[in-house]
Protein backbone atom coordinates (compact mmCIF):
# COMPACT_ATOMS: atom_id res chain seq x y z
CA MET A 1 11.68 30.15 5.05
CA LYS A 2 14.48 31.32 6.98
CA ILE A 3 16.09 28.15 9.43
CA ASN A 4 16.32 29.42 12.47
CA HIS A 5 20.13 28.02 13.37
CA LEU A 6 20.50 29.19 16.61
CA TYR A 7 17.32 26.51 17.52
CA ILE A 8 19.22 23.86 15.41
CA PHE A 9 22.13 24.37 17.63
CA PHE A 10 20.63 24.12 21.12
CA LEU A 11 19.00 21.36 20.01
CA LEU A 12 22.04 19.67 18.88
CA ILE A 13 23.80 20.47 22.19
CA THR A 14 21.34 19.02 24.21
CA SER A 15 20.91 16.13 21.93
CA THR A 16 22.65 12.55 23.17
CA PHE A 17 26.42 11.52 22.20
CA TYR A 18 25.12 8.77 19.83
CA ALA A 19 24.77 8.50 16.35
CA GLN A 20 21.72 10.32 14.98
CA VAL A 21 20.00 12.62 12.57
CA THR A 22 17.81 15.84 12.26
CA PHE A 23 16.06 16.25 9.61
CA VAL A 24 14.86 19.99 8.81
CA ILE A 25 12.35 21.09 6.28
CA ASP A 26 13.54 24.27 5.11
CA HIS A 27 11.37 24.48 2.36
CA LEU A 28 7.32 23.64 2.09
CA SER A 29 5.22 23.05 -0.89
CA GLU A 30 2.81 26.27 -0.81
CA ASN A 31 -0.18 23.69 -0.88
CA THR A 32 1.26 22.78 2.44
CA PRO A 33 -2.13 23.51 5.01
CA LYS A 34 -1.40 26.57 7.36
CA ASN A 35 -0.19 25.12 10.66
CA ASN A 36 -0.41 21.86 9.86
CA SER A 37 1.26 18.61 11.64
CA ILE A 38 3.92 17.01 9.42
CA TYR A 39 5.14 13.44 10.68
CA ILE A 40 8.06 11.24 9.17
CA SER A 41 7.65 7.47 8.21
CA GLY A 42 9.65 5.14 7.46
CA ASP A 43 10.63 1.24 8.12
CA PHE A 44 12.41 2.85 11.47
CA GLU A 45 8.93 2.80 12.53
CA ASN A 46 7.05 -0.07 10.19
CA TRP A 47 6.17 2.74 7.69
CA THR A 48 2.45 3.83 9.98
CA GLY A 49 2.03 6.70 7.43
CA GLY A 50 2.13 9.20 10.66
CA GLN A 51 2.18 8.61 14.37
CA GLU A 52 2.65 11.23 17.36
CA LYS A 53 6.11 10.18 18.59
CA TYR A 54 7.62 11.18 15.05
CA LYS A 55 5.47 14.25 13.99
CA LEU A 56 8.12 16.99 13.35
CA LYS A 57 8.25 19.74 15.92
CA SER A 58 7.22 23.38 14.41
CA THR A 59 8.72 27.02 15.84
CA ASP A 60 9.13 29.69 13.49
CA ASN A 61 8.14 28.07 10.23
CA LEU A 62 10.74 25.69 10.82
CA TYR A 63 9.61 21.90 10.89
CA LEU A 64 12.13 19.49 12.23
CA ILE A 65 13.03 15.82 13.60
CA THR A 66 15.67 14.09 15.35
CA ILE A 67 15.96 10.44 14.33
CA PRO A 68 18.51 8.33 16.23
CA LYS A 69 19.81 5.43 14.03
CA THR A 70 18.35 2.26 14.25
CA THR A 71 20.03 0.10 11.71
CA LYS A 72 22.67 1.56 9.35
CA THR A 73 20.60 2.66 6.38
CA ILE A 74 16.96 4.81 6.96
CA ARG A 75 14.54 5.29 4.78
CA PHE A 76 11.49 7.57 4.87
CA LYS A 77 8.97 9.90 3.72
CA PHE A 78 7.27 12.62 5.14
CA THR A 79 3.19 12.77 5.37
CA GLN A 80 0.29 14.83 6.81
CA GLY A 81 -0.29 11.95 9.22
CA ASN A 82 -1.87 9.21 6.53
CA TRP A 83 -0.44 7.76 3.29
CA ASP A 84 -3.55 10.01 1.45
CA THR A 85 -1.29 13.15 2.10
CA VAL A 86 1.88 11.26 1.80
CA GLU A 87 4.79 14.24 0.19
CA SER A 88 5.02 14.00 -3.43
CA ASP A 89 6.76 15.27 -6.74
CA LYS A 90 5.45 18.67 -8.27
CA ASN A 91 3.03 17.36 -10.18
CA GLY A 92 1.43 15.31 -7.41
CA ASN A 93 2.68 12.32 -8.78
CA ASN A 94 4.53 9.05 -6.34
CA ILE A 95 8.26 9.81 -4.96
CA GLY A 96 10.52 7.16 -4.60
CA ASN A 97 11.95 6.85 -0.63
CA ARG A 98 14.31 9.01 0.88
CA ASN A 99 17.64 7.36 2.31
CA TYR A 100 19.88 8.14 4.73
CA SER A 101 23.14 6.57 6.03
CA PHE A 102 24.36 7.29 9.49
CA LYS A 103 28.19 7.99 8.62
CA LYS A 104 28.77 10.81 11.75
CA LYS A 105 27.57 10.68 15.41
CA ASN A 106 25.32 14.16 14.98
CA ASP A 107 24.28 14.81 11.39
CA THR A 108 21.78 17.78 10.52
CA VAL A 109 19.89 17.52 6.72
CA LYS A 110 17.79 20.30 4.86
CA LEU A 111 15.19 19.37 2.80
CA SER A 112 12.56 20.50 1.31
CA ILE A 113 8.79 18.97 0.03
CA GLN A 114 7.97 19.80 -3.16
CA ASN A 115 3.91 18.82 -3.23
CA TRP A 116 1.97 16.49 -1.18
CA SER A 117 -0.46 13.58 -2.34
CA ASN A 118 -4.02 13.34 -1.87
CA SER A 119 -5.22 9.80 -2.63
CA SER A 120 -9.01 11.02 -2.85
CA LEU A 121 -8.26 12.98 -6.04
CA LYS A 122 -6.27 10.12 -8.20
CA GLU A 123 -8.10 7.70 -10.60
CA SER A 124 -7.52 4.04 -9.80
CA THR A 125 -4.95 2.59 -11.97
CA ALA A 126 -6.12 -1.02 -11.18
CA SER A 127 -6.74 -3.06 -14.34
CA LYS A 128 -10.95 -3.93 -14.92
CA ASN A 129 -10.21 -7.76 -13.79
CA VAL A 130 -8.84 -6.29 -10.36
CA SER A 131 -11.04 -6.27 -7.56
CA VAL A 132 -11.53 -6.74 -3.44
CA LEU A 133 -12.10 -10.03 -2.34
CA ALA A 134 -12.90 -8.99 0.71
CA GLU A 135 -12.76 -5.52 2.63
CA ASP A 136 -12.81 -6.69 5.86
CA PHE A 137 -11.58 -10.61 5.94
CA TYR A 138 -11.52 -11.78 9.43
CA ILE A 139 -8.33 -13.24 10.52
CA PRO A 140 -8.62 -15.55 13.45
CA GLN A 141 -5.72 -16.36 14.79
CA LEU A 142 -5.22 -12.14 15.30
CA ASN A 143 -8.60 -11.28 15.85
CA ARG A 144 -8.41 -8.81 12.86
CA LYS A 145 -9.38 -8.19 9.95
CA ARG A 146 -8.24 -7.29 6.82
CA LYS A 147 -8.57 -5.94 2.60
CA ILE A 148 -8.07 -8.26 0.34
CA TRP A 149 -7.45 -7.71 -2.97
CA LEU A 150 -8.12 -10.20 -6.15
CA TYR A 151 -6.95 -10.99 -9.56
CA LEU A 152 -8.31 -12.93 -12.14
CA PRO A 153 -6.55 -13.55 -15.51
CA PRO A 154 -8.38 -12.16 -18.40
CA ASP A 155 -10.32 -15.39 -19.85
CA TYR A 156 -10.64 -16.68 -16.29
CA HIS A 157 -14.74 -15.96 -17.46
CA THR A 158 -14.86 -17.10 -20.78
CA SER A 159 -13.57 -20.40 -20.07
CA GLN A 160 -13.55 -23.51 -17.40
CA LYS A 161 -9.53 -23.23 -16.78
CA ARG A 162 -8.08 -23.80 -13.57
CA TYR A 163 -4.96 -21.66 -12.64
CA PRO A 164 -2.12 -21.16 -10.12
CA VAL A 165 -2.36 -18.55 -7.12
CA ILE A 166 0.20 -16.20 -6.01
CA TYR A 167 -0.58 -15.27 -3.15
CA MET A 168 1.20 -11.68 -2.21
CA HIS A 169 1.79 -9.69 0.84
CA ASP A 170 1.54 -5.98 1.40
CA GLY A 171 -1.69 -5.15 -1.10
CA GLN A 172 -1.78 -1.81 -1.41
CA ASN A 173 1.13 -1.72 -3.55
CA LEU A 174 0.43 -4.25 -5.85
CA PHE A 175 -2.34 -2.77 -8.48
CA ASN A 176 -3.29 0.73 -7.60
CA GLU A 177 -1.23 3.64 -7.56
CA LYS A 178 -3.94 5.28 -5.44
CA THR A 179 -3.47 3.07 -2.22
CA SER A 180 -0.16 2.85 -2.94
CA PHE A 181 2.40 4.84 -0.49
CA SER A 182 5.27 4.39 -2.43
CA GLY A 183 4.46 3.59 -6.50
CA GLU A 184 2.77 -0.23 -7.43
CA TRP A 185 4.14 -3.25 -8.80
CA GLN A 186 1.73 -2.71 -11.17
CA ALA A 187 1.45 -6.69 -11.04
CA ASP A 188 -2.32 -6.97 -12.62
CA GLU A 189 -0.13 -5.38 -15.93
CA THR A 190 2.95 -7.20 -16.20
CA LEU A 191 0.04 -10.66 -15.44
CA ASN A 192 -1.91 -9.42 -18.29
CA GLN A 193 1.14 -9.09 -20.65
CA ILE A 194 1.83 -12.64 -19.78
CA PHE A 195 -1.01 -13.86 -20.96
CA GLU A 196 -1.25 -12.39 -23.68
CA GLU A 197 2.27 -13.71 -24.89
CA LYS A 198 2.56 -16.69 -23.36
CA GLY A 199 -0.95 -17.44 -22.85
CA LEU A 200 -0.33 -17.84 -19.06
CA GLY A 201 -3.40 -16.95 -16.60
CA PHE A 202 -2.74 -16.46 -12.34
CA ILE A 203 -5.09 -15.77 -10.05
CA VAL A 204 -3.51 -12.98 -7.11
CA ILE A 205 -4.23 -12.55 -3.58
CA GLY A 206 -3.07 -9.58 -2.76
CA LEU A 207 -2.93 -9.18 1.48
CA ASN A 208 -3.26 -5.48 2.55
CA ASN A 209 -0.40 -5.02 5.62
CA GLY A 210 -1.82 -3.90 8.85
CA GLY A 211 -0.18 -1.08 9.00
CA ASP A 212 1.09 -0.82 12.45
CA LYS A 213 0.92 -4.63 12.87
CA ARG A 214 3.29 -4.97 9.61
CA ILE A 215 6.57 -6.20 11.16
CA ASP A 216 4.72 -8.10 13.79
CA GLU A 217 3.15 -9.88 11.38
CA TYR A 218 5.76 -10.32 9.14
CA SER A 219 8.51 -12.09 11.44
CA PRO A 220 7.64 -14.96 13.37
CA TRP A 221 10.76 -14.04 16.09
CA ILE A 222 11.11 -10.79 17.93
CA HIS A 223 13.54 -8.34 17.40
CA LYS A 224 14.03 -5.80 20.54
CA LYS A 225 13.43 -2.70 18.88
CA HIS A 226 10.92 -3.14 16.17
CA GLY A 227 8.61 -5.71 17.21
CA GLY A 228 7.52 -9.23 15.60
CA SER A 229 6.18 -12.74 16.85
CA GLU A 230 3.21 -12.50 15.37
CA GLY A 231 4.22 -14.20 11.68
CA ASP A 232 3.74 -17.54 12.64
CA ALA A 233 0.01 -16.64 12.86
CA TYR A 234 -0.33 -14.98 10.26
CA ILE A 235 1.21 -17.72 7.49
CA ASP A 236 -0.84 -19.84 9.51
CA PHE A 237 -3.79 -18.16 8.31
CA ILE A 238 -2.92 -17.65 4.71
CA THR A 239 -2.18 -22.12 4.67
CA LYS A 240 -5.31 -23.01 6.94
CA ASP A 241 -7.98 -20.47 6.41
CA LEU A 242 -7.58 -17.88 3.21
CA LYS A 243 -6.28 -20.62 1.21
CA PRO A 244 -8.80 -23.18 1.37
CA TYR A 245 -11.59 -20.37 0.96
CA VAL A 246 -10.15 -19.56 -1.88
CA ASP A 247 -9.71 -23.02 -3.40
CA LYS A 248 -13.28 -23.86 -2.56
CA LYS A 249 -14.55 -20.44 -3.77
CA TYR A 250 -12.38 -20.12 -7.50
CA ARG A 251 -11.33 -22.17 -9.83
CA THR A 252 -7.87 -22.79 -8.69
CA LEU A 253 -4.75 -25.33 -9.42
CA SER A 254 -3.88 -26.05 -5.58
CA ASN A 255 -1.16 -28.67 -5.31
CA LYS A 256 2.38 -27.11 -4.50
CA GLU A 257 3.59 -26.73 -8.07
CA ASN A 258 0.81 -24.17 -8.52
CA THR A 259 1.35 -22.08 -4.87
CA ALA A 260 3.36 -19.19 -4.94
CA ILE A 261 4.01 -17.14 -2.31
CA ILE A 262 5.63 -13.45 -2.86
CA GLY A 263 7.09 -10.40 -0.95
CA SER A 264 9.11 -7.59 -0.47
CA SER A 265 11.69 -6.56 2.13
CA MET A 266 9.73 -7.94 5.77
CA GLY A 267 6.94 -9.39 2.87
CA GLY A 268 10.34 -11.29 1.47
CA LEU A 269 11.28 -12.40 5.08
CA ILE A 270 7.89 -13.99 5.50
CA SER A 271 7.48 -15.46 2.02
CA HIS A 272 10.70 -17.82 2.87
CA TYR A 273 9.69 -18.39 5.88
CA ALA A 274 6.62 -19.99 4.66
CA GLY A 275 8.26 -21.89 2.18
CA LEU A 276 10.71 -23.55 5.13
CA LYS A 277 7.57 -23.86 6.80
CA TYR A 278 5.46 -25.03 4.64
CA PRO A 279 6.73 -26.82 1.88
CA LYS A 280 3.67 -29.33 0.85
CA ILE A 281 1.44 -25.89 -0.15
CA TYR A 282 4.23 -23.19 -1.05
CA GLY A 283 6.40 -25.04 -4.46
CA LYS A 284 6.95 -21.36 -5.46
CA VAL A 285 8.74 -18.79 -3.16
CA GLY A 286 9.87 -15.43 -4.27
CA VAL A 287 11.95 -13.25 -2.09
CA PHE A 288 12.74 -9.68 -2.81
CA SER A 289 14.99 -7.49 -0.76
CA PRO A 290 14.27 -9.59 2.22
CA SER A 291 15.06 -8.64 5.90
CA PHE A 292 17.23 -11.45 6.86
CA TRP A 293 18.79 -8.55 9.14
CA PHE A 294 15.34 -8.66 10.90
CA SER A 295 16.72 -11.55 13.21
CA ARG A 296 19.96 -13.95 12.87
CA SER A 297 17.21 -16.50 13.61
CA SER A 298 16.33 -16.56 10.30
CA PHE A 299 19.21 -18.25 9.40
CA LYS A 300 19.05 -21.37 12.17
CA TYR A 301 15.27 -22.05 10.68
CA ALA A 302 17.16 -22.26 7.47
CA LYS A 303 19.64 -24.33 8.30
CA ASN A 304 17.23 -26.78 10.09
CA HIS A 305 13.96 -26.44 7.05
CA SER A 306 16.03 -26.43 3.59
CA LYS A 307 16.23 -30.13 3.03
CA ILE A 308 12.56 -29.42 0.65
CA SER A 309 12.10 -30.87 -2.58
CA ASN A 310 10.23 -29.05 -5.45
CA THR A 311 10.29 -26.14 -3.77
CA LYS A 312 11.78 -23.04 -6.28
CA MET A 313 12.65 -20.20 -5.06
CA TYR A 314 13.53 -16.73 -6.42
CA PHE A 315 15.80 -14.20 -4.87
CA LEU A 316 16.20 -10.38 -5.92
CA ILE A 317 18.04 -7.91 -4.08
CA GLY A 318 19.47 -4.44 -5.59
CA ASP A 319 23.71 -3.94 -5.07
CA GLN A 320 22.66 -0.42 -3.36
CA GLU A 321 20.42 -1.73 -0.89
CA GLY A 322 23.26 -2.18 0.94
CA LYS A 323 26.35 -4.32 1.42
CA ASN A 324 25.57 -6.67 4.36
CA GLU A 325 21.61 -6.62 2.95
CA VAL A 326 23.47 -8.33 -0.26
CA LYS A 327 26.01 -10.55 2.10
CA ASP A 328 23.03 -11.52 4.31
CA MET A 329 21.01 -13.02 0.84
CA GLU A 330 23.67 -14.70 0.05
CA LYS A 331 24.75 -16.67 3.33
CA MET A 332 21.16 -17.32 3.72
CA ILE A 333 21.08 -19.06 -0.05
CA ASP A 334 24.81 -20.47 0.94
CA ILE A 335 22.56 -22.46 4.27
CA MET A 336 20.28 -23.71 2.24
CA LYS A 337 22.40 -25.37 -1.06
CA ASN A 338 24.75 -26.63 2.22
CA ASN A 339 21.93 -28.19 3.90
CA GLY A 340 20.24 -30.03 1.19
CA PHE A 341 17.95 -27.42 -1.30
CA PRO A 342 18.30 -28.07 -4.64
CA TYR A 343 20.85 -25.63 -6.34
CA ASN A 344 18.63 -25.64 -9.73
CA ASN A 345 15.44 -24.19 -7.83
CA ILE A 346 17.24 -20.90 -6.64
CA SER A 347 17.81 -18.30 -8.54
CA GLN A 348 19.31 -15.47 -7.03
CA LYS A 349 19.92 -11.79 -8.92
CA VAL A 350 21.57 -8.96 -7.73
CA ILE A 351 21.03 -5.84 -9.49
CA PRO A 352 22.90 -3.25 -10.68
CA ASN A 353 22.25 0.24 -9.11
CA GLY A 354 18.91 -1.37 -7.66
CA GLN A 355 17.35 -0.09 -5.12
CA HIS A 356 15.11 -1.08 -1.69
CA ASN A 357 11.94 0.26 -3.93
CA GLU A 358 8.59 -0.97 -5.78
CA ALA A 359 10.36 0.31 -9.07
CA MET A 360 13.16 -2.42 -8.69
CA TRP A 361 10.45 -4.95 -7.72
CA ARG A 362 7.86 -4.26 -10.12
CA ASN A 363 10.75 -4.61 -12.84
CA HIS A 364 11.78 -8.15 -12.03
CA PHE A 365 8.02 -9.58 -11.36
CA LYS A 366 7.67 -10.53 -14.60
CA ASP A 367 11.14 -12.61 -14.46
CA ALA A 368 10.26 -13.82 -11.20
CA VAL A 369 7.12 -15.02 -12.29
CA LEU A 370 7.77 -16.61 -15.36
CA TRP A 371 11.19 -18.48 -13.54
CA LEU A 372 8.90 -19.92 -10.81
CA PHE A 373 6.54 -21.13 -13.26
CA LYS A 374 8.75 -22.34 -15.82
CA LYS A 375 7.98 -25.79 -16.36
């Protein structure tokens, strides 16, 4: 595919003066359907999988799009309109998120797409003790329905024991490569391993994110560009509707010492908030790559709600996620400690070469669970 340099030149000349980047697809997989639309999806548009305003322009077999600066670094992928058709490596396997850091006012980046995923052709990688609790569990606070996954420990049906429960966000990415859009956490394999090695069993409730509602639901505060504000309703649903349902239907240990909430990115933000808002419910909190940048109100809230005993929080971030992100996490931890949160109840990990992706969260999920539930 030849690049139409004149077209790119006029596009950049007519663009705004502010920092932005134009992504140009200069090579497409031969598996790309003729005249098919291509979209960019990322953290700047809530990982929707593809929406009309982020469809690449097509001319003379050239695909391109200009993205204005929203944050210093953006993470993204290309799709054909949904996560079932996300870009992949040449063998059709999931690839990590692409990253771009804004370092100049106008930039042009040439990229290639090696292949496309087709989840309908993939086999499920979920373990046999993973099932769907509900395809359409009703959320009365938001008047929506949501798919919810269930992981039961290997001995659940052969014993009468009761188990701790871990509530997790972004359920699409927890157990199954087929449903994930950037690789899975392998939470089921990890917990099965913990059971085999240490005899510890857990129940996991994984809530699918709401697609274009994800950012709204994962923050109680509003960001002028990205949305938010539905976090209270979302956490109230988990706490007042979903948890009672789970405790009634399954053999759970329902006290705070045996109830965890874990998430990453915006899921880390809302998990942290849940631990502070409901300290009598969630005694274990996993805060992976938290998006504290989303609202400075998160720091103010922590200052006023950190005087909590008998709650443990595990903080994790990669040093390649950005200096500001690392500093924000360290700032949050300092605020909590200075306002009454016990020093020994915080684990703080900055992972060398760690990036903002499922691979890092997967690699440290076991450590987080073992530390949080250590007696």
